[in-house]
Amino acid sequence: KGKIGDIELDICYYKALAQYKGGDYKDADETYDSLLTYDDENADAYFLRGCVYLAAGQGKKCVSDYNQAVELAPDNYKLYIEIYENLSAFDYEDKGKEYLKLALEQKASKGEEYCGQGYIYLLLEDYENADKMLSKALEKGYDKAMMYQAQLLKAQGDSQKAQEVYEEYISKDPEDIYALNEIGVMEMNAGDSEIALRAFAKASDLGAY
């Protein structure tokens, strides 16, 4: 006769994550099964269960869940990107790129959506279209696109200009710890540990207060 609320759902997600991190894929699968029994239109749960299947070597089930996730959240560009990154980490980059291309079939209208498409073009090394989409995002007032513009400039060999764009973006909200952490992660993934460490250090200093 109990009620399921946000706290109970959060506990289940934490439990599933702990099981996954501990390599207990069977139990993690069962926990996500329970979450999906409660809500079978939860894109996040399908995505996360797909990650479990991927780690467990169950490729067909993984793809099935990833497909269901993007079907339920077709405008969630972060979801497509995370699927690509996960598949690439397990040497399925070509399969991951299929999801990036699927994301580009969606029609963008908001600044955040143009930014998502711009970053996807960047991942696909289509720099011309990446620049077009990121510029549209900025025209729509989505300043976060500047982070990806900086990455685009770096990919094109203009590290100095990229640093200027990063600094301009941070100057708009110098206490945005989330943005600093994201810049750090992006630059660490791109192999520029110097910029990454500076961003992490600044975020850490801000987080101390």
C-alpha atoms as a PDB file:
ATOM      1  CA  LYS A   1       0.000   0.000   0.000  1.00  0.00           C
ATOM      2  CA  GLY A   2       3.047   2.253  -0.130  1.00  0.00           C
ATOM      3  CA  LYS A   3       3.505   5.031  -2.634  1.00  0.00           C
ATOM      4  CA  ILE A   4       6.374   5.383  -5.069  1.00  0.00           C
ATOM      5  CA  GLY A   5       7.768   8.906  -5.140  1.00  0.00           C
ATOM      6  CA  ASP A   6      10.890  10.690  -6.315  1.00  0.00           C
ATOM      7  CA  ILE A   7      12.943   9.486  -3.346  1.00  0.00           C
ATOM      8  CA  GLU A   8      12.137   5.828  -4.016  1.00  0.00           C
ATOM      9  CA  LEU A   9      12.949   6.240  -7.711  1.00  0.00           C
ATOM     10  CA  ASP A  10      16.249   7.965  -6.915  1.00  0.00           C
ATOM     11  CA  ILE A  11      17.181   5.106  -4.594  1.00  0.00           C
ATOM     12  CA  CYS A  12      16.533   2.616  -7.397  1.00  0.00           C
ATOM     13  CA  TYR A  13      18.719   4.609  -9.806  1.00  0.00           C
ATOM     14  CA  TYR A  14      21.548   4.806  -7.273  1.00  0.00           C
ATOM     15  CA  LYS A  15      21.183   1.098  -6.581  1.00  0.00           C
ATOM     16  CA  ALA A  16      21.345   0.240 -10.286  1.00  0.00           C
ATOM     17  CA  LEU A  17      24.388   2.478 -10.747  1.00  0.00           C
ATOM     18  CA  ALA A  18      26.176   0.825  -7.825  1.00  0.00           C
ATOM     19  CA  GLN A  19      25.395  -2.610  -9.257  1.00  0.00           C
ATOM     20  CA  TYR A  20      26.656  -1.541 -12.681  1.00  0.00           C
ATOM     21  CA  LYS A  21      29.853  -0.012 -11.276  1.00  0.00           C
ATOM     22  CA  GLY A  22      30.422  -3.183  -9.281  1.00  0.00           C
ATOM     23  CA  GLY A  23      30.161  -5.342 -12.396  1.00  0.00           C
ATOM     24  CA  ASP A  24      26.919  -6.942 -11.208  1.00  0.00           C
ATOM     25  CA  TYR A  25      25.198  -6.557 -14.562  1.00  0.00           C
ATOM     26  CA  LYS A  26      22.465  -9.110 -13.920  1.00  0.00           C
ATOM     27  CA  ASP A  27      21.174  -7.324 -10.820  1.00  0.00           C
ATOM     28  CA  ALA A  28      21.553  -3.909 -12.474  1.00  0.00           C
ATOM     29  CA  ASP A  29      19.467  -5.202 -15.368  1.00  0.00           C
ATOM     30  CA  GLU A  30      16.780  -6.367 -12.959  1.00  0.00           C
ATOM     31  CA  THR A  31      16.720  -2.995 -11.189  1.00  0.00           C
ATOM     32  CA  TYR A  32      16.270  -1.132 -14.474  1.00  0.00           C
ATOM     33  CA  ASP A  33      13.602  -3.689 -15.421  1.00  0.00           C
ATOM     34  CA  SER A  34      11.715  -2.651 -12.299  1.00  0.00           C
ATOM     35  CA  LEU A  35      12.046   1.032 -13.158  1.00  0.00           C
ATOM     36  CA  LEU A  36      10.716   0.374 -16.648  1.00  0.00           C
ATOM     37  CA  THR A  37       7.862  -1.721 -15.299  1.00  0.00           C
ATOM     38  CA  TYR A  38       6.895   1.339 -13.271  1.00  0.00           C
ATOM     39  CA  ASP A  39       7.361   3.716 -16.231  1.00  0.00           C
ATOM     40  CA  ASP A  40       7.864   2.143 -19.658  1.00  0.00           C
ATOM     41  CA  GLU A  41       8.247   5.532 -21.345  1.00  0.00           C
ATOM     42  CA  ASN A  42      11.333   6.577 -19.429  1.00  0.00           C
ATOM     43  CA  ALA A  43      14.072   7.307 -21.998  1.00  0.00           C
ATOM     44  CA  ASP A  44      16.772   7.571 -19.316  1.00  0.00           C
ATOM     45  CA  ALA A  45      16.030   4.114 -17.955  1.00  0.00           C
ATOM     46  CA  TYR A  46      16.191   2.568 -21.431  1.00  0.00           C
ATOM     47  CA  PHE A  47      19.481   4.343 -22.090  1.00  0.00           C
ATOM     48  CA  LEU A  48      20.993   3.226 -18.786  1.00  0.00           C
ATOM     49  CA  ARG A  49      19.839  -0.362 -19.205  1.00  0.00           C
ATOM     50  CA  GLY A  50      21.328  -0.244 -22.704  1.00  0.00           C
ATOM     51  CA  CYS A  51      24.643   0.744 -21.118  1.00  0.00           C
ATOM     52  CA  VAL A  52      24.429  -2.315 -18.865  1.00  0.00           C
ATOM     53  CA  TYR A  53      23.777  -4.554 -21.860  1.00  0.00           C
ATOM     54  CA  LEU A  54      26.724  -2.966 -23.692  1.00  0.00           C
ATOM     55  CA  ALA A  55      29.095  -3.633 -20.808  1.00  0.00           C
ATOM     56  CA  ALA A  56      27.755  -7.196 -20.521  1.00  0.00           C
ATOM     57  CA  GLY A  57      28.419  -7.881 -24.208  1.00  0.00           C
ATOM     58  CA  GLN A  58      24.747  -8.105 -25.170  1.00  0.00           C
ATOM     59  CA  GLY A  59      24.894  -5.953 -28.274  1.00  0.00           C
ATOM     60  CA  LYS A  60      21.433  -6.636 -29.702  1.00  0.00           C
ATOM     61  CA  LYS A  61      19.689  -5.808 -26.424  1.00  0.00           C
ATOM     62  CA  CYS A  62      21.864  -2.713 -26.059  1.00  0.00           C
ATOM     63  CA  VAL A  63      20.904  -1.385 -29.487  1.00  0.00           C
ATOM     64  CA  SER A  64      17.251  -2.183 -28.873  1.00  0.00           C
ATOM     65  CA  ASP A  65      17.245  -0.122 -25.676  1.00  0.00           C
ATOM     66  CA  TYR A  66      19.204   2.733 -27.244  1.00  0.00           C
ATOM     67  CA  ASN A  67      16.708   2.802 -30.107  1.00  0.00           C
ATOM     68  CA  GLN A  68      13.822   2.922 -27.657  1.00  0.00           C
ATOM     69  CA  ALA A  69      15.500   5.741 -25.725  1.00  0.00           C
ATOM     70  CA  VAL A  70      15.944   8.001 -28.763  1.00  0.00           C
ATOM     71  CA  GLU A  71      12.434   7.177 -29.960  1.00  0.00           C
ATOM     72  CA  LEU A  72      11.059   8.451 -26.658  1.00  0.00           C
ATOM     73  CA  ALA A  73      13.342  11.513 -26.571  1.00  0.00           C
ATOM     74  CA  PRO A  74      14.054  12.414 -30.217  1.00  0.00           C
ATOM     75  CA  ASP A  75      15.069  16.013 -29.401  1.00  0.00           C
ATOM     76  CA  ASN A  76      17.539  15.103 -26.642  1.00  0.00           C
ATOM     77  CA  TYR A  77      20.848  15.710 -28.402  1.00  0.00           C
ATOM     78  CA  LYS A  78      22.825  14.928 -25.259  1.00  0.00           C
ATOM     79  CA  LEU A  79      21.328  11.427 -25.361  1.00  0.00           C
ATOM     80  CA  TYR A  80      22.548  10.799 -28.926  1.00  0.00           C
ATOM     81  CA  ILE A  81      26.006  12.068 -28.005  1.00  0.00           C
ATOM     82  CA  GLU A  82      26.244   9.893 -24.895  1.00  0.00           C
ATOM     83  CA  ILE A  83      25.184   6.844 -26.907  1.00  0.00           C
ATOM     84  CA  TYR A  84      27.894   7.645 -29.457  1.00  0.00           C
ATOM     85  CA  GLU A  85      30.518   8.066 -26.732  1.00  0.00           C
ATOM     86  CA  ASN A  86      29.524   4.806 -25.033  1.00  0.00           C
ATOM     87  CA  LEU A  87      29.564   2.792 -28.246  1.00  0.00           C
ATOM     88  CA  SER A  88      32.902   4.331 -29.254  1.00  0.00           C
ATOM     89  CA  ALA A  89      34.392   3.376 -25.886  1.00  0.00           C
ATOM     90  CA  PHE A  90      33.551  -0.243 -26.692  1.00  0.00           C
ATOM     91  CA  ASP A  91      35.020  -0.009 -30.229  1.00  0.00           C
ATOM     92  CA  TYR A  92      31.649   0.440 -31.955  1.00  0.00           C
ATOM     93  CA  GLU A  93      32.332   3.947 -33.226  1.00  0.00           C
ATOM     94  CA  ASP A  94      30.732   3.329 -36.624  1.00  0.00           C
ATOM     95  CA  LYS A  95      27.525   2.221 -34.924  1.00  0.00           C
ATOM     96  CA  GLY A  96      27.733   5.243 -32.664  1.00  0.00           C
ATOM     97  CA  LYS A  97      27.976   7.568 -35.649  1.00  0.00           C
ATOM     98  CA  GLU A  98      24.658   6.196 -36.885  1.00  0.00           C
ATOM     99  CA  TYR A  99      23.021   7.761 -33.835  1.00  0.00           C
ATOM    100  CA  LEU A 100      24.762  11.079 -34.460  1.00  0.00           C
ATOM    101  CA  LYS A 101      23.438  11.101 -38.014  1.00  0.00           C
ATOM    102  CA  LEU A 102      19.982  10.192 -36.732  1.00  0.00           C
ATOM    103  CA  ALA A 103      20.111  13.213 -34.424  1.00  0.00           C
ATOM    104  CA  LEU A 104      20.859  15.465 -37.380  1.00  0.00           C
ATOM    105  CA  GLU A 105      17.597  14.361 -38.990  1.00  0.00           C
ATOM    106  CA  GLN A 106      15.698  16.156 -36.238  1.00  0.00           C
ATOM    107  CA  LYS A 107      14.532  19.690 -36.993  1.00  0.00           C
ATOM    108  CA  ALA A 108      16.214  22.301 -34.812  1.00  0.00           C
ATOM    109  CA  SER A 109      14.417  25.523 -33.858  1.00  0.00           C
ATOM    110  CA  LYS A 110      15.770  26.515 -30.435  1.00  0.00           C
ATOM    111  CA  GLY A 111      19.268  27.703 -29.555  1.00  0.00           C
ATOM    112  CA  GLU A 112      20.001  24.603 -27.488  1.00  0.00           C
ATOM    113  CA  GLU A 113      18.965  22.358 -30.377  1.00  0.00           C
ATOM    114  CA  TYR A 114      21.170  24.210 -32.874  1.00  0.00           C
ATOM    115  CA  CYS A 115      24.023  23.899 -30.379  1.00  0.00           C
ATOM    116  CA  GLY A 116      23.452  20.141 -30.079  1.00  0.00           C
ATOM    117  CA  GLN A 117      23.542  19.727 -33.819  1.00  0.00           C
ATOM    118  CA  GLY A 118      26.627  21.929 -34.077  1.00  0.00           C
ATOM    119  CA  TYR A 119      28.493  19.774 -31.581  1.00  0.00           C
ATOM    120  CA  ILE A 120      27.447  16.632 -33.432  1.00  0.00           C
ATOM    121  CA  TYR A 121      28.789  18.051 -36.698  1.00  0.00           C
ATOM    122  CA  LEU A 122      31.995  18.798 -34.804  1.00  0.00           C
ATOM    123  CA  LEU A 123      32.231  15.179 -33.647  1.00  0.00           C
ATOM    124  CA  LEU A 124      31.713  14.089 -37.258  1.00  0.00           C
ATOM    125  CA  GLU A 125      34.485  16.527 -38.309  1.00  0.00           C
ATOM    126  CA  ASP A 126      32.096  18.452 -40.563  1.00  0.00           C
ATOM    127  CA  TYR A 127      33.473  21.801 -39.489  1.00  0.00           C
ATOM    128  CA  GLU A 128      31.562  23.920 -41.996  1.00  0.00           C
ATOM    129  CA  ASN A 129      28.156  22.759 -40.781  1.00  0.00           C
ATOM    130  CA  ALA A 130      29.354  22.808 -37.169  1.00  0.00           C
ATOM    131  CA  ASP A 131      30.149  26.508 -37.545  1.00  0.00           C
ATOM    132  CA  LYS A 132      26.755  27.213 -39.168  1.00  0.00           C
ATOM    133  CA  MET A 133      24.760  25.492 -36.428  1.00  0.00           C
ATOM    134  CA  LEU A 134      26.769  26.991 -33.551  1.00  0.00           C
ATOM    135  CA  SER A 135      26.405  30.443 -35.082  1.00  0.00           C
ATOM    136  CA  LYS A 136      22.629  29.948 -35.264  1.00  0.00           C
ATOM    137  CA  ALA A 137      22.628  28.876 -31.614  1.00  0.00           C
ATOM    138  CA  LEU A 138      24.379  32.101 -30.663  1.00  0.00           C
ATOM    139  CA  GLU A 139      21.933  34.111 -32.770  1.00  0.00           C
ATOM    140  CA  LYS A 140      19.179  32.520 -30.680  1.00  0.00           C
ATOM    141  CA  GLY A 141      20.936  33.715 -27.533  1.00  0.00           C
ATOM    142  CA  TYR A 142      22.319  30.335 -26.446  1.00  0.00           C
ATOM    143  CA  ASP A 143      25.713  31.415 -25.086  1.00  0.00           C
ATOM    144  CA  LYS A 144      26.771  27.877 -24.185  1.00  0.00           C
ATOM    145  CA  ALA A 145      27.465  27.333 -27.893  1.00  0.00           C
ATOM    146  CA  MET A 146      30.644  29.350 -27.340  1.00  0.00           C
ATOM    147  CA  MET A 147      32.189  26.352 -25.577  1.00  0.00           C
ATOM    148  CA  TYR A 148      31.767  24.261 -28.686  1.00  0.00           C
ATOM    149  CA  GLN A 149      32.911  27.116 -30.895  1.00  0.00           C
ATOM    150  CA  ALA A 150      36.145  27.081 -28.929  1.00  0.00           C
ATOM    151  CA  GLN A 151      36.509  23.357 -29.555  1.00  0.00           C
ATOM    152  CA  LEU A 152      35.832  23.937 -33.249  1.00  0.00           C
ATOM    153  CA  LEU A 153      38.571  26.568 -33.390  1.00  0.00           C
ATOM    154  CA  LYS A 154      40.979  24.172 -31.697  1.00  0.00           C
ATOM    155  CA  ALA A 155      40.102  21.437 -34.181  1.00  0.00           C
ATOM    156  CA  GLN A 156      40.877  23.902 -36.965  1.00  0.00           C
ATOM    157  CA  GLY A 157      44.252  24.713 -35.438  1.00  0.00           C
ATOM    158  CA  ASP A 158      43.495  28.106 -33.861  1.00  0.00           C
ATOM    159  CA  SER A 159      44.200  27.397 -30.185  1.00  0.00           C
ATOM    160  CA  GLN A 160      44.782  31.062 -29.317  1.00  0.00           C
ATOM    161  CA  LYS A 161      41.384  32.141 -30.612  1.00  0.00           C
ATOM    162  CA  ALA A 162      39.805  29.138 -28.897  1.00  0.00           C
ATOM    163  CA  GLN A 163      41.234  30.280 -25.558  1.00  0.00           C
ATOM    164  CA  GLU A 164      39.843  33.787 -26.153  1.00  0.00           C
ATOM    165  CA  VAL A 165      36.381  32.348 -26.802  1.00  0.00           C
ATOM    166  CA  TYR A 166      36.563  30.241 -23.623  1.00  0.00           C
ATOM    167  CA  GLU A 167      37.537  33.297 -21.593  1.00  0.00           C
ATOM    168  CA  GLU A 168      34.767  35.380 -23.156  1.00  0.00           C
ATOM    169  CA  TYR A 169      32.216  32.701 -22.311  1.00  0.00           C
ATOM    170  CA  ILE A 170      33.405  32.344 -18.720  1.00  0.00           C
ATOM    171  CA  SER A 171      33.387  36.143 -18.312  1.00  0.00           C
ATOM    172  CA  LYS A 172      29.629  36.115 -18.968  1.00  0.00           C
ATOM    173  CA  ASP A 173      29.128  34.060 -15.799  1.00  0.00           C
ATOM    174  CA  PRO A 174      32.449  33.625 -13.956  1.00  0.00           C
ATOM    175  CA  GLU A 175      30.850  31.592 -11.173  1.00  0.00           C
ATOM    176  CA  ASP A 176      29.218  28.965 -13.366  1.00  0.00           C
ATOM    177  CA  ILE A 177      30.844  25.886 -11.828  1.00  0.00           C
ATOM    178  CA  TYR A 178      28.939  23.551 -14.150  1.00  0.00           C
ATOM    179  CA  ALA A 179      30.314  25.313 -17.242  1.00  0.00           C
ATOM    180  CA  LEU A 180      33.868  25.219 -15.902  1.00  0.00           C
ATOM    181  CA  ASN A 181      33.589  21.507 -15.165  1.00  0.00           C
ATOM    182  CA  GLU A 182      32.156  20.865 -18.623  1.00  0.00           C
ATOM    183  CA  ILE A 183      34.996  22.799 -20.245  1.00  0.00           C
ATOM    184  CA  GLY A 184      37.441  20.729 -18.205  1.00  0.00           C
ATOM    185  CA  VAL A 185      35.884  17.453 -19.323  1.00  0.00           C
ATOM    186  CA  MET A 186      35.726  18.555 -22.961  1.00  0.00           C
ATOM    187  CA  GLU A 187      39.358  19.630 -23.006  1.00  0.00           C
ATOM    188  CA  MET A 188      40.511  16.527 -21.149  1.00  0.00           C
ATOM    189  CA  ASN A 189      38.767  14.405 -23.773  1.00  0.00           C
ATOM    190  CA  ALA A 190      40.380  16.533 -26.479  1.00  0.00           C
ATOM    191  CA  GLY A 191      43.818  15.907 -24.961  1.00  0.00           C
ATOM    192  CA  ASP A 192      44.498  19.450 -23.715  1.00  0.00           C
ATOM    193  CA  SER A 193      45.217  18.774 -20.063  1.00  0.00           C
ATOM    194  CA  GLU A 194      46.544  22.291 -19.402  1.00  0.00           C
ATOM    195  CA  ILE A 195      43.245  24.052 -20.163  1.00  0.00           C
ATOM    196  CA  ALA A 196      41.311  21.216 -18.509  1.00  0.00           C
ATOM    197  CA  LEU A 197      43.243  21.510 -15.245  1.00  0.00           C
ATOM    198  CA  ARG A 198      42.832  25.304 -15.167  1.00  0.00           C
ATOM    199  CA  ALA A 199      39.071  24.933 -15.605  1.00  0.00           C
ATOM    200  CA  PHE A 200      38.838  22.226 -12.930  1.00  0.00           C
ATOM    201  CA  ALA A 201      40.966  24.281 -10.511  1.00  0.00           C
ATOM    202  CA  LYS A 202      38.776  27.352 -10.950  1.00  0.00           C
ATOM    203  CA  ALA A 203      35.623  25.279 -10.484  1.00  0.00           C
ATOM    204  CA  SER A 204      37.128  23.737  -7.356  1.00  0.00           C
ATOM    205  CA  ASP A 205      37.968  27.162  -5.931  1.00  0.00           C
ATOM    206  CA  LEU A 206      34.412  28.357  -6.530  1.00  0.00           C
ATOM    207  CA  GLY A 207      32.983  25.205  -4.992  1.00  0.00           C
ATOM    208  CA  ALA A 208      34.860  25.822  -1.765  1.00  0.00           C
ATOM    209  CA  TYR A 209      32.579  28.727  -0.860  1.00  0.00           C
END
